[in-house]
Protein backbone atom coordinates (compact mmCIF):
# COMPACT_ATOMS: atom_id res chain seq x y z
CA MET A 1 28.71 -84.49 11.13
CA SER A 2 31.79 -86.47 12.02
CA LYS A 3 31.74 -90.28 11.26
CA SER A 4 32.52 -91.00 14.76
CA LYS A 5 28.89 -89.54 15.47
CA LEU A 6 26.96 -91.31 12.57
CA PRO A 7 23.61 -92.88 13.65
CA ASN A 8 23.72 -96.54 13.47
CA ARG A 9 20.36 -96.80 11.61
CA ALA A 10 17.59 -94.72 10.17
CA ASP A 11 13.87 -95.25 9.41
CA LEU A 12 14.47 -93.79 5.83
CA ILE A 13 17.17 -92.19 3.94
CA LEU A 14 16.84 -89.83 0.91
CA ASP A 15 19.91 -89.71 -1.34
CA ALA A 16 19.79 -86.39 -3.23
CA GLN A 17 22.06 -84.46 -5.89
CA TYR A 18 21.15 -81.14 -4.06
CA ILE A 19 19.78 -80.01 -0.50
CA LEU A 20 18.90 -76.78 0.35
CA CYS A 21 18.88 -77.00 4.05
CA ARG A 22 18.27 -73.13 4.85
CA PRO A 23 18.15 -70.03 2.69
CA GLU A 24 21.43 -68.70 3.98
CA GLN A 25 23.38 -71.68 3.13
CA ALA A 26 24.86 -72.89 0.20
CA PRO A 27 23.34 -76.09 -1.44
CA LEU A 28 24.79 -79.35 -0.49
CA HIS A 29 25.87 -81.61 -3.41
CA ASP A 30 25.59 -85.67 -3.26
CA HIS A 31 24.37 -85.77 0.25
CA SER A 32 21.51 -87.94 2.12
CA ILE A 33 19.06 -87.05 4.74
CA LEU A 34 18.71 -89.59 7.46
CA ILE A 35 15.06 -89.93 9.20
CA GLU A 36 14.44 -91.50 12.32
CA ASN A 37 10.68 -91.16 14.03
CA GLY A 38 9.74 -88.53 11.85
CA LYS A 39 12.54 -86.31 12.72
CA ILE A 40 15.85 -85.73 10.67
CA SER A 41 18.65 -87.65 12.54
CA GLY A 42 21.40 -86.82 10.10
CA ILE A 43 22.46 -84.88 7.04
CA LEU A 44 25.78 -86.50 5.62
CA PRO A 45 27.53 -87.07 2.27
CA THR A 46 25.71 -89.97 0.39
CA THR A 47 29.00 -92.13 0.27
CA ASP A 48 29.10 -92.04 4.13
CA SER A 49 25.41 -92.97 4.41
CA GLN A 50 25.81 -95.86 2.49
CA GLN A 51 26.97 -97.69 5.74
CA ILE A 52 24.01 -96.87 7.71
CA ARG A 53 21.04 -99.51 8.22
CA CYS A 54 17.52 -98.21 7.43
CA ASP A 55 14.30 -99.63 6.89
CA SER A 56 14.10 -97.58 3.18
CA ARG A 57 16.12 -95.59 1.11
CA VAL A 58 14.72 -93.48 -1.77
CA ASN A 59 16.61 -92.51 -4.56
CA CYS A 60 16.26 -88.85 -5.42
CA LYS A 61 19.90 -88.30 -7.08
CA GLU A 62 18.37 -86.32 -9.73
CA HIS A 63 16.42 -84.08 -7.50
CA LEU A 64 16.61 -81.17 -5.18
CA LEU A 65 15.26 -81.62 -1.58
CA PHE A 66 14.37 -78.52 0.32
CA PRO A 67 12.02 -77.72 3.22
CA GLY A 68 8.65 -77.90 2.78
CA LEU A 69 6.71 -74.59 1.92
CA ILE A 70 4.77 -72.75 4.20
CA ASN A 71 1.43 -70.88 3.00
CA THR A 72 1.40 -68.56 5.69
CA HIS A 73 -1.99 -67.05 4.72
CA THR A 74 -5.10 -68.92 2.70
CA HIS A 75 -8.65 -69.75 2.88
CA SER A 76 -8.53 -73.33 1.86
CA PRO A 77 -12.23 -74.04 1.26
CA MET A 78 -12.45 -71.35 -1.18
CA SER A 79 -10.65 -73.27 -3.75
CA LEU A 80 -14.11 -74.16 -4.95
CA LEU A 81 -14.77 -70.72 -5.68
CA LYS A 82 -11.46 -70.23 -8.31
CA GLY A 83 -12.66 -68.23 -11.42
CA VAL A 84 -16.09 -67.13 -10.29
CA ALA A 85 -15.57 -63.64 -10.00
CA ASP A 86 -12.32 -62.31 -11.89
CA ASP A 87 -11.13 -58.97 -12.85
CA LEU A 88 -12.81 -57.14 -9.94
CA ASP A 89 -11.62 -54.98 -7.29
CA LEU A 90 -11.64 -56.16 -3.78
CA GLU A 91 -14.66 -54.35 -2.72
CA THR A 92 -16.78 -55.47 -5.69
CA TRP A 93 -15.25 -58.88 -5.49
CA LEU A 94 -16.03 -59.65 -1.88
CA ASN A 95 -19.34 -57.82 -1.35
CA GLN A 96 -21.00 -58.35 -4.68
CA HIS A 97 -19.91 -61.83 -5.26
CA ILE A 98 -18.24 -63.86 -2.83
CA TRP A 99 -19.92 -62.89 0.39
CA PRO A 100 -23.37 -63.49 -1.49
CA LEU A 101 -22.05 -67.05 -2.92
CA GLU A 102 -20.63 -68.07 0.65
CA GLY A 103 -24.07 -67.19 2.08
CA ALA A 104 -25.94 -69.48 -0.30
CA LEU A 105 -23.40 -72.37 -0.34
CA MET A 106 -21.89 -72.57 2.94
CA SER A 107 -22.15 -75.76 4.66
CA GLU A 108 -20.06 -78.76 6.41
CA GLU A 109 -20.01 -80.33 2.81
CA PHE A 110 -18.70 -77.07 0.99
CA ILE A 111 -15.95 -76.86 3.55
CA LYS A 112 -14.88 -80.34 3.69
CA ASP A 113 -14.40 -80.82 -0.09
CA GLY A 114 -13.14 -77.17 -0.63
CA CYS A 115 -10.35 -78.08 1.69
CA ASN A 116 -9.31 -81.34 0.57
CA LEU A 117 -9.31 -79.97 -2.96
CA ALA A 118 -7.00 -77.17 -1.70
CA LEU A 119 -4.76 -79.67 0.39
CA ALA A 120 -4.20 -81.93 -2.46
CA GLU A 121 -3.06 -78.72 -4.80
CA MET A 122 -0.95 -77.68 -2.08
CA ILE A 123 0.85 -81.02 -1.42
CA ARG A 124 1.37 -81.54 -5.16
CA SER A 125 2.80 -77.54 -5.20
CA GLY A 126 5.36 -78.52 -2.43
CA THR A 127 3.62 -76.95 0.48
CA THR A 128 3.83 -78.84 3.77
CA CYS A 129 2.12 -76.44 6.02
CA PHE A 130 -0.78 -73.91 5.97
CA SER A 131 -2.23 -71.10 8.10
CA ASP A 132 -5.88 -71.14 7.34
CA MET A 133 -8.79 -68.43 7.98
CA TYR A 134 -12.14 -69.51 7.31
CA PHE A 135 -15.63 -70.68 8.56
CA PHE A 136 -16.07 -74.27 10.39
CA PRO A 137 -12.33 -74.65 11.21
CA SER A 138 -12.99 -77.92 13.07
CA ILE A 139 -13.66 -79.58 9.51
CA ILE A 140 -10.53 -77.93 8.10
CA ALA A 141 -8.45 -79.17 11.02
CA ALA A 142 -10.37 -82.71 10.51
CA CYS A 143 -9.02 -82.57 6.72
CA ALA A 144 -5.47 -81.45 7.22
CA LYS A 145 -5.15 -84.33 9.97
CA GLN A 146 -6.66 -86.93 7.71
CA ALA A 147 -4.19 -85.62 4.82
CA GLY A 148 -1.16 -85.48 6.96
CA MET A 149 -0.44 -82.07 6.80
CA ARG A 150 1.07 -79.33 9.14
CA ALA A 151 -1.53 -76.58 9.96
CA VAL A 152 -2.39 -73.52 11.89
CA ILE A 153 -6.04 -73.37 12.38
CA GLY A 154 -7.53 -69.61 12.34
CA LEU A 155 -10.76 -69.29 14.50
CA PRO A 156 -12.57 -67.12 12.50
CA ILE A 157 -14.05 -64.02 14.42
CA LEU A 158 -16.56 -61.74 12.92
CA GLU A 159 -19.11 -59.36 14.40
CA PHE A 160 -22.14 -60.73 12.09
CA PRO A 161 -23.68 -63.97 11.71
CA SER A 162 -22.63 -67.05 9.39
CA ALA A 163 -23.41 -70.57 9.20
CA TRP A 164 -20.71 -70.97 11.90
CA ALA A 165 -21.59 -68.70 14.55
CA GLU A 166 -24.03 -65.82 15.44
CA ASP A 167 -21.83 -62.89 16.65
CA ALA A 168 -18.26 -61.86 17.85
CA SER A 169 -19.10 -63.80 21.32
CA GLY A 170 -20.06 -66.79 19.70
CA TYR A 171 -17.23 -67.23 17.15
CA ILE A 172 -14.91 -66.60 20.33
CA GLU A 173 -16.43 -69.52 22.32
CA LYS A 174 -16.76 -71.97 19.76
CA GLY A 175 -13.16 -71.38 18.58
CA LEU A 176 -11.65 -71.70 21.81
CA LEU A 177 -13.72 -75.05 22.48
CA LEU A 178 -11.84 -76.29 19.27
CA ALA A 179 -8.47 -74.94 20.25
CA ASP A 180 -8.92 -77.52 23.47
CA GLU A 181 -10.01 -80.14 21.75
CA LEU A 182 -6.88 -79.66 19.27
CA ASN A 183 -4.41 -79.16 22.03
CA ASN A 184 -2.82 -82.57 21.70
CA GLU A 185 -2.63 -82.90 17.88
CA ALA A 186 1.06 -83.08 16.73
CA LEU A 187 0.57 -81.41 13.61
CA LEU A 188 -2.14 -78.77 14.52
CA ARG A 189 -1.90 -75.47 16.01
CA THR A 190 -4.58 -72.77 16.12
CA ALA A 191 -4.61 -69.10 15.95
CA LEU A 192 -7.25 -66.17 16.70
CA ALA A 193 -8.36 -64.92 13.54
CA PRO A 194 -10.37 -61.67 13.35
CA HIS A 195 -11.03 -61.10 9.73
CA SER A 196 -10.25 -57.32 9.89
CA THR A 197 -10.66 -53.92 11.32
CA TYR A 198 -13.63 -53.09 9.20
CA THR A 199 -15.37 -56.35 10.36
CA VAL A 200 -14.58 -56.67 13.75
CA SER A 201 -15.06 -53.89 16.39
CA PRO A 202 -12.27 -52.32 18.43
CA GLU A 203 -14.02 -53.90 21.59
CA THR A 204 -13.60 -57.37 20.16
CA LEU A 205 -9.94 -56.51 19.12
CA ARG A 206 -9.17 -55.52 22.80
CA LYS A 207 -10.67 -58.82 23.84
CA ILE A 208 -8.72 -60.93 21.45
CA SER A 209 -5.52 -58.99 22.53
CA THR A 210 -6.34 -60.28 26.06
CA LEU A 211 -7.09 -63.88 24.93
CA SER A 212 -3.94 -63.71 22.60
CA ASP A 213 -1.70 -62.83 25.98
CA GLU A 214 -3.18 -65.29 27.93
CA LEU A 215 -3.28 -68.21 25.82
CA GLU A 216 0.04 -67.30 24.04
CA LYS A 217 -1.72 -67.79 20.27
CA ARG A 218 -1.04 -65.75 17.28
CA VAL A 219 -3.52 -63.33 15.71
CA HIS A 220 -4.01 -63.55 12.12
CA ILE A 221 -5.71 -60.56 10.75
CA HIS A 222 -5.96 -58.96 7.13
CA LEU A 223 -4.65 -55.65 7.68
CA GLN A 224 -4.49 -52.05 5.30
CA GLU A 225 -4.98 -54.29 2.35
CA THR A 226 -6.35 -51.53 0.11
CA ALA A 227 -6.87 -47.67 0.50
CA ALA A 228 -10.31 -48.21 0.23
CA GLU A 229 -10.02 -50.38 3.23
CA VAL A 230 -8.11 -47.52 5.39
CA LYS A 231 -10.48 -44.79 4.25
CA GLN A 232 -13.48 -46.77 5.28
CA VAL A 233 -12.13 -47.52 8.87
CA VAL A 234 -11.01 -44.05 9.32
CA SER A 235 -14.30 -42.78 8.32
CA GLN A 236 -15.90 -45.48 10.72
CA TYR A 237 -13.56 -45.06 14.09
CA GLY A 238 -11.62 -41.95 13.16
CA MET A 239 -8.34 -44.04 13.43
CA ARG A 240 -6.58 -46.14 10.92
CA PRO A 241 -6.46 -49.80 10.89
CA MET A 242 -3.06 -49.76 12.44
CA GLU A 243 -3.87 -47.35 15.12
CA ILE A 244 -6.86 -49.35 16.09
CA LEU A 245 -4.55 -52.58 16.25
CA LYS A 246 -1.92 -50.54 18.75
CA GLU A 247 -4.94 -49.09 20.89
CA SER A 248 -6.21 -52.83 21.31
CA GLY A 249 -2.89 -53.99 22.38
CA LEU A 250 -2.29 -56.37 19.07
CA VAL A 251 0.76 -54.79 17.81
CA ASN A 252 3.25 -57.38 19.08
CA PRO A 253 5.07 -60.64 18.28
CA HIS A 254 1.73 -62.58 18.19
CA LEU A 255 0.45 -60.46 15.04
CA ILE A 256 0.46 -61.79 11.77
CA ALA A 257 -0.53 -58.98 9.59
CA VAL A 258 -1.56 -59.83 6.01
CA HIS A 259 -1.43 -57.74 3.13
CA MET A 260 -0.36 -54.73 4.23
CA THR A 261 -0.29 -52.62 0.90
CA GLN A 262 -0.86 -49.30 2.81
CA PHE A 263 1.51 -48.32 5.42
CA THR A 264 3.38 -45.15 6.60
CA GLN A 265 6.69 -44.77 8.23
CA GLU A 266 5.11 -44.38 11.54
CA ASP A 267 3.54 -48.03 10.97
CA ILE A 268 6.94 -49.36 9.82
CA ASP A 269 8.40 -48.12 13.10
CA GLU A 270 5.79 -49.53 15.30
CA LEU A 271 5.96 -53.04 13.58
CA SER A 272 9.54 -53.27 13.77
CA LYS A 273 9.59 -51.94 17.59
CA ARG A 274 7.00 -54.58 18.50
CA ASN A 275 8.53 -57.61 16.39
CA ALA A 276 5.37 -58.07 14.54
CA ASN A 277 4.74 -60.34 11.64
CA ILE A 278 3.69 -59.39 7.96
CA VAL A 279 2.32 -61.92 5.35
CA HIS A 280 2.90 -60.72 1.66
CA CYS A 281 0.42 -62.13 -0.91
CA PRO A 282 1.61 -60.55 -4.15
CA GLU A 283 -0.50 -62.46 -6.66
CA SER A 284 -3.78 -61.77 -4.74
CA ASN A 285 -2.82 -58.05 -4.53
CA HIS A 286 -1.93 -57.78 -8.02
CA LYS A 287 -5.29 -59.78 -9.17
CA LEU A 288 -7.47 -57.47 -6.95
CA ALA A 289 -5.36 -54.33 -7.65
CA SER A 290 -5.27 -53.93 -4.26
CA GLY A 291 -1.70 -52.34 -4.33
CA ILE A 292 1.87 -53.30 -3.76
CA CYS A 293 3.35 -54.27 -0.45
CA ASP A 294 6.68 -52.28 -0.12
CA VAL A 295 8.39 -55.47 1.20
CA THR A 296 12.06 -54.13 0.53
CA SER A 297 11.20 -51.12 3.12
CA LEU A 298 9.69 -53.73 5.69
CA ILE A 299 12.78 -56.21 5.51
CA ASN A 300 15.07 -53.18 5.53
CA ASN A 301 13.70 -52.17 8.84
CA GLY A 302 14.25 -55.64 10.48
CA ILE A 303 10.38 -56.75 10.13
CA ASN A 304 9.96 -60.43 9.99
CA VAL A 305 8.10 -60.89 6.15
CA ALA A 306 6.51 -64.35 5.31
CA LEU A 307 4.54 -65.42 2.34
CA GLY A 308 1.06 -66.52 1.42
CA THR A 309 -1.39 -67.46 -1.49
CA ASP A 310 -4.44 -65.86 0.02
CA GLY A 311 -7.46 -67.94 -1.20
CA SER A 312 -7.97 -69.44 -4.81
CA ALA A 313 -10.81 -67.19 -5.56
CA SER A 314 -8.60 -64.35 -5.80
CA ASN A 315 -5.25 -65.84 -6.56
CA ASN A 316 -6.14 -68.15 -8.35
CA ASP A 317 -4.07 -71.00 -7.22
CA LEU A 318 -2.05 -72.26 -3.96
CA ASN A 319 1.16 -72.32 -5.72
CA MET A 320 4.01 -71.63 -3.28
CA LEU A 321 6.53 -71.59 -6.16
CA GLY A 322 4.96 -69.07 -8.07
CA GLU A 323 4.33 -66.91 -4.98
CA MET A 324 8.09 -66.80 -4.46
CA ARG A 325 8.82 -65.89 -7.98
CA SER A 326 5.93 -62.97 -7.78
CA ALA A 327 7.41 -61.75 -4.58
CA ALA A 328 10.83 -61.27 -6.10
CA PHE A 329 9.60 -59.69 -9.34
CA THR A 330 7.10 -57.52 -7.37
CA ALA A 331 9.91 -56.22 -4.99
CA LYS A 332 12.27 -55.64 -8.20
CA THR A 333 9.61 -53.57 -10.29
CA ALA A 334 8.50 -51.69 -7.51
CA SER A 335 11.60 -50.42 -6.25
CA LEU A 336 13.62 -50.20 -9.91
CA ASP A 337 16.19 -52.07 -8.12
CA ALA A 338 17.17 -55.58 -9.55
CA THR A 339 18.95 -56.43 -6.08
CA ALA A 340 15.62 -55.77 -4.16
CA LEU A 341 14.26 -59.11 -2.68
CA ASN A 342 16.92 -61.74 -4.01
CA ALA A 343 16.48 -65.56 -4.33
CA GLN A 344 17.43 -66.01 -0.83
CA GLU A 345 15.23 -63.40 0.71
CA ALA A 346 12.51 -65.06 -1.10
CA PHE A 347 13.08 -68.49 -0.28
CA ALA A 348 13.31 -67.35 3.49
CA MET A 349 9.90 -65.77 3.25
CA ALA A 350 8.31 -69.19 2.40
CA THR A 351 10.38 -71.23 5.03
CA THR A 352 12.07 -69.75 7.75
CA ASN A 353 10.30 -66.45 8.08
CA ALA A 354 6.93 -68.28 7.72
CA ALA A 355 8.10 -70.92 10.59
CA SER A 356 9.09 -67.97 12.89
CA ALA A 357 5.61 -65.84 11.94
CA LEU A 358 3.97 -69.30 13.02
CA ASP A 359 5.96 -69.98 16.16
CA LEU A 360 6.94 -73.09 14.36
CA SER A 361 10.73 -72.56 13.94
CA LYS A 362 11.44 -75.53 16.32
CA HIS A 363 9.40 -77.81 14.19
CA CYS A 364 9.78 -76.57 10.36
CA GLY A 365 10.96 -74.41 7.91
CA SER A 366 14.54 -75.65 7.64
CA LEU A 367 16.21 -79.11 7.18
CA THR A 368 18.38 -79.33 10.13
CA VAL A 369 19.05 -82.30 12.67
CA GLY A 370 16.42 -82.45 15.15
CA MET A 371 13.78 -80.80 12.78
CA SER A 372 10.56 -82.40 11.52
CA ALA A 373 11.14 -84.21 8.39
CA ASP A 374 8.96 -81.88 6.45
CA ILE A 375 10.66 -82.33 2.90
CA VAL A 376 10.11 -81.76 -0.86
CA ALA A 377 11.74 -83.41 -3.66
CA MET A 378 11.68 -81.83 -7.02
CA ASP A 379 12.82 -83.36 -10.20
CA LEU A 380 15.93 -81.66 -12.08
CA ASP A 381 16.33 -84.52 -14.85
CA THR A 382 13.87 -82.48 -17.35
CA ILE A 383 14.55 -80.23 -20.23
CA GLU A 384 12.72 -77.26 -18.40
CA ALA A 385 15.37 -77.76 -15.46
CA SER A 386 18.60 -78.12 -17.35
CA PRO A 387 21.06 -76.90 -16.66
CA VAL A 388 20.89 -76.51 -12.82
CA ASN A 389 23.71 -73.97 -12.55
CA ASP A 390 22.25 -72.77 -9.25
CA PRO A 391 19.81 -74.82 -7.32
CA LEU A 392 18.46 -72.12 -5.51
CA SER A 393 17.92 -69.70 -8.58
CA HIS A 394 16.30 -72.68 -10.24
CA LEU A 395 13.93 -72.89 -7.25
CA ILE A 396 12.70 -69.26 -7.30
CA TYR A 397 12.97 -68.20 -10.86
CA SER A 398 12.58 -71.62 -13.30
CA ALA A 399 10.84 -74.36 -11.26
CA SER A 400 7.39 -75.14 -11.62
CA ARG A 401 5.04 -77.34 -9.36
CA GLU A 402 4.96 -79.95 -11.96
CA SER A 403 8.30 -80.82 -11.08
CA ILE A 404 7.58 -81.96 -7.56
CA ARG A 405 7.81 -85.42 -7.29
CA ASN A 406 7.81 -86.52 -3.39
CA VAL A 407 6.69 -84.95 -0.25
CA TRP A 408 6.89 -85.95 3.39
CA VAL A 409 5.50 -84.34 6.45
CA ALA A 410 7.02 -85.63 9.76
CA GLY A 411 8.72 -88.52 7.98
CA LYS A 412 5.20 -89.61 6.35
CA GLN A 413 5.10 -89.62 2.57
CA LEU A 414 2.10 -87.58 1.37
CA LEU A 415 3.07 -87.20 -2.40
CA ARG A 416 4.71 -90.53 -4.11
CA ASP A 417 5.79 -89.79 -7.87
CA ARG A 418 3.27 -86.89 -8.09
CA LYS A 419 0.53 -89.48 -6.89
CA LEU A 420 -1.09 -88.41 -3.48
CA THR A 421 -0.91 -91.17 -0.75
CA THR A 422 -3.41 -89.71 1.74
CA LEU A 423 -6.20 -88.34 -0.53
CA ASP A 424 -8.27 -89.90 -3.36
CA GLU A 425 -7.51 -87.87 -6.41
CA ASP A 426 -10.66 -89.12 -8.19
CA GLU A 427 -12.70 -88.36 -5.76
CA LEU A 428 -11.69 -84.88 -5.26
CA LEU A 429 -12.42 -84.31 -8.96
CA GLU A 430 -15.72 -85.80 -8.98
CA ARG A 431 -16.62 -83.66 -5.78
CA ALA A 432 -14.86 -80.37 -8.03
CA LYS A 433 -17.68 -81.09 -10.73
CA HIS A 434 -20.43 -81.44 -8.44
CA TRP A 435 -19.67 -78.22 -6.85
CA ARG A 436 -19.05 -76.58 -10.18
CA LYS A 437 -22.71 -77.01 -11.08
CA GLN A 438 -23.89 -76.09 -7.80
CA ILE A 439 -21.94 -72.63 -8.16
CA GLN A 440 -23.10 -72.06 -11.71
CA THR A 441 -26.83 -72.83 -10.64
CA THR A 442 -26.30 -70.27 -7.66
CA GLN A 443 -24.66 -67.60 -9.52
CA ALA A 444 -27.60 -67.77 -12.38
CA SER A 445 -30.24 -67.34 -9.36
CA PHE A 446 -28.47 -63.93 -8.73
CA ARG A 447 -28.94 -62.51 -11.96
């Protein structure tokens, strides 16, 4: 930015030691970010920013600033279920533990408390935007709005009854009503969220495809997560899950397919040709022994791959810093190629790729003029962080979430020196203790 084009003023100026604006760009040293009306109005050397009038200036001179991370797949209320069913395969974990517990515990109170706990953990881990899939999405939306987070609220769709709806038609009807209610919320969007091809019929998926086209909404779905899932769907319908989605008209740029540990070259060709999006959840896949998503092949075939944590019940955290690191290490080990999924590509999966998958590239995912000021400040002045020879390498391979000091979304500070500003930490801890007792009592009743 030339000096002749410098803004006259800013609401907020952040002075930083390093700034990572985009994955493919070299880090800026001793630069400042200017924020006006919740958006980035300038990025310039700190020496030049000193002449700009501002309402507030924050010293981040021992910090790394980077775009808020985007968790492209999670089930936020399941934060209350972390540790309840460890060391099990997906089918056993889901059918014998998670679904029975959810059936017994599901309530608006459970959703609210679990979601707020998740939001706090994500903010303190440098996540500013998340894409959710769970029951009672209206409560999740209200929690996200109260906390000041950006979110894509999944409108859950299943064939069987739950505390939220009775059947697929009921899920869709209630979801569309919520989508209308949230239409004017600046930080909230909605997506159609059929659970999977083994819990949602082909007929319903065709209806979802039509709605997606008409409403221009993303479709967020678990797909080919395990070999057992693929086998089950083939037995039930005579087609693989990808074939069902293709037949339903869902393989297109609106598709956000999660997990994809099982795919063929034909699947890759179809996903690439149709510009679909994949979400990689390496830690959940590892923990449930679901398989490994060959992200290297997907990326080499031009497919947009984003990153998610999945829910806390199968991860067991919502730490996108750890997820980037796991994604890079998994790709290298799986391919026996140390150059596979480098730091730049891992960072892109949690920022620009994720924003593209969620159709949010005009709002977040990078630090550029005109974008929303969704910014994270990481402390570099620690033993663990020293020396910082390469800021991007440090972010992907060395950093821990405990180094996240400050977080802003649309210019509003949600974390100030590790303290949440929009959520009550003491209350969150008390509610977590309450639910620990409820969960333990419920588990005991199953025995």
